[in-house]
Amino acid sequence: MEKLLHIIATPRAQESRSLQVSKSFLEVFTKRYPECHVDELNVATEILPALTVKVVYGKYVLLGGGELSERFKHAWKPVIQHIERFLLADGYLITTPMWNFSIPYPLKQYIDIIIQPKYLFRYTDKGVEGLVKNKKMVVITSRGGDYSQTSPFHAYDFQEPYLRAIFGFVGITDITFINTQPMDALGIEVQRQKIEEAKALAQKIAEKF
């Protein structure tokens, strides 16, 4: 692996619980793969390109199998830059809190920017073909409550199912989740315990990533 893209979706910097866990992952990962470049992109602080009318119309052109004309190329330039940055990575680490049972809106904006026809997927006679193949992803989350499979609130978890679905759609099916939970519902001692458990799991996964 030559390049890992670390996509961060929290504005909380050092106060972020999910970033604490990601730090443990990266400590082990960088020791195991010292030649691998970690490209960090914080979508919570990065100025992402807007999905303007020209960008949306250009997407319909691509969906129809056409090529972008000069009318759309200028608007699509920053979009393609983000797509190329994503595709240049050999693996992915996403660090994100859960917001309102799902993902933060900057991460959703980033996903809407990069997942474009012709670049990350295409339609064929046999259906949709994902174009991002043979790549791994680790997703580290933090949640205020417990949304695990044994929790009565599991049905409210729209974060993990969505991320598995959208990245699986483009061909990334080898996805490992480290869900740090609950962070708020049961007090500070439980929070500390769960963070340490998530850190240990992150380090173990980093050894085999």
Protein backbone atom coordinates (compact mmCIF):
# COMPACT_ATOMS: atom_id res chain seq x y z
CA MET A 1 0.00 0.00 0.00
CA GLU A 2 1.44 3.33 -1.10
CA LYS A 3 -1.29 5.79 -0.11
CA LEU A 4 -3.99 5.85 2.56
CA LEU A 5 -6.65 8.55 2.33
CA HIS A 6 -7.84 9.58 5.79
CA ILE A 7 -11.21 11.26 5.48
CA ILE A 8 -12.10 13.14 8.67
CA ALA A 9 -15.65 14.37 9.28
CA THR A 10 -15.35 16.03 12.67
CA PRO A 11 -14.61 19.69 13.44
CA ARG A 12 -13.61 18.95 17.05
CA ALA A 13 -9.89 18.32 16.47
CA GLN A 14 -8.19 16.94 19.60
CA GLU A 15 -11.49 16.81 21.50
CA SER A 16 -12.90 14.30 19.03
CA ARG A 17 -13.43 10.82 20.48
CA SER A 18 -13.38 9.22 17.03
CA LEU A 19 -10.05 10.89 16.23
CA GLN A 20 -8.57 9.49 19.44
CA VAL A 21 -9.33 6.01 18.14
CA SER A 22 -8.06 6.83 14.64
CA LYS A 23 -4.80 8.05 16.14
CA SER A 24 -4.27 4.61 17.69
CA PHE A 25 -5.01 2.98 14.33
CA LEU A 26 -2.53 5.23 12.51
CA GLU A 27 0.22 4.75 15.10
CA VAL A 28 0.27 1.04 14.36
CA PHE A 29 -0.44 1.42 10.64
CA THR A 30 2.42 3.85 9.98
CA LYS A 31 4.87 1.63 11.84
CA ARG A 32 3.78 -1.38 9.82
CA TYR A 33 3.78 0.51 6.51
CA PRO A 34 6.39 3.28 6.93
CA GLU A 35 6.54 3.91 3.18
CA CYS A 36 2.80 4.53 2.93
CA HIS A 37 1.77 8.17 2.62
CA VAL A 38 -1.25 9.16 4.73
CA ASP A 39 -3.22 11.83 2.88
CA GLU A 40 -5.47 13.66 5.37
CA LEU A 41 -8.66 15.36 4.23
CA ASN A 42 -10.92 16.96 6.83
CA VAL A 43 -14.22 17.54 5.08
CA ALA A 44 -15.49 19.42 8.15
CA THR A 45 -12.95 22.20 7.61
CA GLU A 46 -12.16 21.87 3.89
CA ILE A 47 -14.05 24.16 1.53
CA LEU A 48 -15.75 21.58 -0.66
CA PRO A 49 -17.06 22.45 -4.12
CA ALA A 50 -20.76 23.19 -4.30
CA LEU A 51 -23.08 20.99 -6.30
CA THR A 52 -24.21 23.74 -8.61
CA VAL A 53 -26.71 23.50 -11.44
CA LYS A 54 -23.89 22.99 -13.96
CA VAL A 55 -22.40 20.18 -11.87
CA VAL A 56 -25.78 18.47 -11.62
CA TYR A 57 -26.51 18.90 -15.33
CA GLY A 58 -23.06 17.55 -16.12
CA LYS A 59 -23.84 14.48 -14.06
CA TYR A 60 -26.91 13.81 -16.21
CA VAL A 61 -24.73 14.07 -19.31
CA LEU A 62 -22.41 11.40 -17.87
CA LEU A 63 -25.33 9.23 -16.80
CA GLY A 64 -26.50 9.30 -20.41
CA GLY A 65 -23.10 8.10 -21.61
CA GLY A 66 -21.97 11.46 -22.95
CA GLU A 67 -18.85 13.53 -22.38
CA LEU A 68 -18.65 16.83 -20.55
CA SER A 69 -18.72 19.81 -22.92
CA GLU A 70 -16.86 23.06 -22.39
CA ARG A 71 -20.04 24.39 -20.82
CA PHE A 72 -19.57 22.09 -17.83
CA LYS A 73 -15.81 21.48 -17.62
CA HIS A 74 -15.00 24.57 -15.55
CA ALA A 75 -17.66 23.75 -12.96
CA TRP A 76 -16.51 20.12 -12.84
CA LYS A 77 -12.79 20.87 -12.39
CA PRO A 78 -12.82 20.89 -8.54
CA VAL A 79 -15.14 17.87 -8.54
CA ILE A 80 -12.74 15.88 -10.69
CA GLN A 81 -9.83 16.93 -8.48
CA HIS A 82 -11.55 15.39 -5.47
CA ILE A 83 -12.45 12.28 -7.46
CA GLU A 84 -8.85 11.82 -8.60
CA ARG A 85 -7.55 12.34 -5.07
CA PHE A 86 -9.94 9.64 -3.86
CA LEU A 87 -9.04 7.20 -6.63
CA LEU A 88 -5.28 7.65 -6.13
CA ALA A 89 -5.53 6.08 -2.68
CA ASP A 90 -4.95 2.37 -2.17
CA GLY A 91 -7.01 2.28 1.01
CA TYR A 92 -9.30 4.46 3.08
CA LEU A 93 -9.80 5.45 6.70
CA ILE A 94 -12.95 7.39 7.57
CA THR A 95 -13.24 9.08 10.95
CA THR A 96 -16.73 10.29 11.69
CA PRO A 97 -19.11 10.90 14.57
CA MET A 98 -22.76 9.94 14.33
CA TRP A 99 -25.00 12.96 13.85
CA ASN A 100 -28.75 12.44 14.13
CA PHE A 101 -28.41 8.69 13.57
CA SER A 102 -26.36 9.13 10.38
CA ILE A 103 -23.29 10.96 9.05
CA PRO A 104 -22.36 14.66 9.34
CA TYR A 105 -23.53 16.76 6.42
CA PRO A 106 -19.97 17.64 5.21
CA LEU A 107 -19.26 13.92 4.75
CA LYS A 108 -22.51 13.54 2.82
CA GLN A 109 -21.51 16.50 0.63
CA TYR A 110 -18.12 14.89 -0.03
CA ILE A 111 -19.74 11.59 -0.96
CA ASP A 112 -22.13 13.39 -3.31
CA ILE A 113 -19.14 15.10 -4.93
CA ILE A 114 -16.99 12.06 -5.60
CA ILE A 115 -19.52 9.36 -6.46
CA GLN A 116 -20.06 10.19 -10.09
CA PRO A 117 -20.85 8.08 -13.16
CA LYS A 118 -17.92 7.18 -15.40
CA TYR A 119 -15.48 7.80 -12.55
CA LEU A 120 -16.62 5.61 -9.63
CA PHE A 121 -19.37 3.56 -11.27
CA ARG A 122 -20.97 2.85 -14.61
CA TYR A 123 -24.11 1.26 -15.98
CA THR A 124 -23.75 -1.87 -18.08
CA ASP A 125 -26.11 -4.37 -19.70
CA LYS A 126 -25.77 -6.42 -16.51
CA GLY A 127 -26.48 -3.54 -14.16
CA VAL A 128 -24.29 -1.18 -12.16
CA GLU A 129 -20.55 -1.84 -12.04
CA GLY A 130 -18.46 -0.29 -9.29
CA LEU A 131 -15.13 0.97 -10.58
CA VAL A 132 -13.26 1.19 -7.26
CA LYS A 133 -12.01 -2.36 -6.92
CA ASN A 134 -9.62 -4.29 -4.66
CA LYS A 135 -9.43 -1.57 -2.02
CA LYS A 136 -10.06 -1.70 1.72
CA MET A 137 -11.73 0.74 4.06
CA VAL A 138 -11.86 1.18 7.82
CA VAL A 139 -14.55 3.39 9.33
CA ILE A 140 -14.09 4.64 12.88
CA THR A 141 -17.19 6.17 14.43
CA SER A 142 -18.25 7.61 17.75
CA ARG A 143 -21.85 7.54 18.90
CA GLY A 144 -23.49 9.17 21.92
CA GLY A 145 -25.69 6.12 22.49
CA ASP A 146 -25.42 2.40 21.92
CA TYR A 147 -26.64 1.35 18.48
CA SER A 148 -25.10 -2.13 18.43
CA GLN A 149 -27.07 -5.11 17.17
CA THR A 150 -28.19 -6.10 20.67
CA SER A 151 -29.35 -2.58 21.53
CA PRO A 152 -33.04 -1.60 21.32
CA PHE A 153 -31.83 1.47 19.39
CA HIS A 154 -30.10 -0.56 16.65
CA ALA A 155 -32.85 0.31 14.16
CA TYR A 156 -31.84 3.98 14.47
CA ASP A 157 -28.37 3.31 13.06
CA PHE A 158 -28.49 4.77 9.56
CA GLN A 159 -24.76 5.49 9.60
CA GLU A 160 -23.13 2.09 9.09
CA PRO A 161 -25.77 0.72 6.66
CA TYR A 162 -25.54 3.85 4.51
CA LEU A 163 -21.74 3.88 4.34
CA ARG A 164 -21.63 0.16 3.54
CA ALA A 165 -24.24 0.63 0.83
CA ILE A 166 -22.82 3.72 -0.87
CA PHE A 167 -19.20 2.55 -0.93
CA GLY A 168 -20.27 -0.99 -1.80
CA PHE A 169 -22.13 0.52 -4.75
CA VAL A 170 -18.82 1.77 -6.20
CA GLY A 171 -16.98 -1.49 -5.49
CA ILE A 172 -15.55 -1.13 -1.97
CA THR A 173 -16.96 -4.10 -0.10
CA ASP A 174 -14.08 -4.84 2.28
CA ILE A 175 -15.16 -2.39 4.99
CA THR A 176 -14.43 -2.74 8.70
CA PHE A 177 -16.29 -0.66 11.27
CA ILE A 178 -15.05 0.31 14.70
CA ASN A 179 -18.04 1.86 16.45
CA THR A 180 -17.06 3.63 19.66
CA GLN A 181 -20.24 3.61 21.73
CA PRO A 182 -21.90 4.77 23.95
CA MET A 183 -19.99 8.00 24.45
CA ASP A 184 -22.58 10.03 26.39
CA ALA A 185 -25.53 7.91 27.47
CA LEU A 186 -23.89 6.04 30.38
CA GLY A 187 -21.44 8.55 31.81
CA ILE A 188 -17.75 9.37 31.71
CA GLU A 189 -16.40 6.09 33.10
CA VAL A 190 -18.17 4.02 30.46
CA GLN A 191 -17.01 6.52 27.84
CA ARG A 192 -13.38 6.07 28.85
CA GLN A 193 -13.72 2.28 28.89
CA LYS A 194 -15.30 2.16 25.44
CA ILE A 195 -12.65 4.47 23.97
CA GLU A 196 -9.89 2.22 25.28
CA GLU A 197 -11.65 -0.86 23.90
CA ALA A 198 -12.01 0.82 20.52
CA LYS A 199 -8.34 1.85 20.54
CA ALA A 200 -7.26 -1.73 21.20
CA LEU A 201 -9.49 -2.99 18.38
CA ALA A 202 -8.17 -0.29 16.03
CA GLN A 203 -4.58 -1.29 16.71
CA LYS A 204 -5.42 -4.94 16.06
CA ILE A 205 -7.12 -4.13 12.76
CA ALA A 206 -4.25 -1.85 11.70
CA GLU A 207 -1.84 -4.79 12.02
CA LYS A 208 -3.73 -6.69 9.33
CA PHE A 209 -4.93 -3.84 7.11
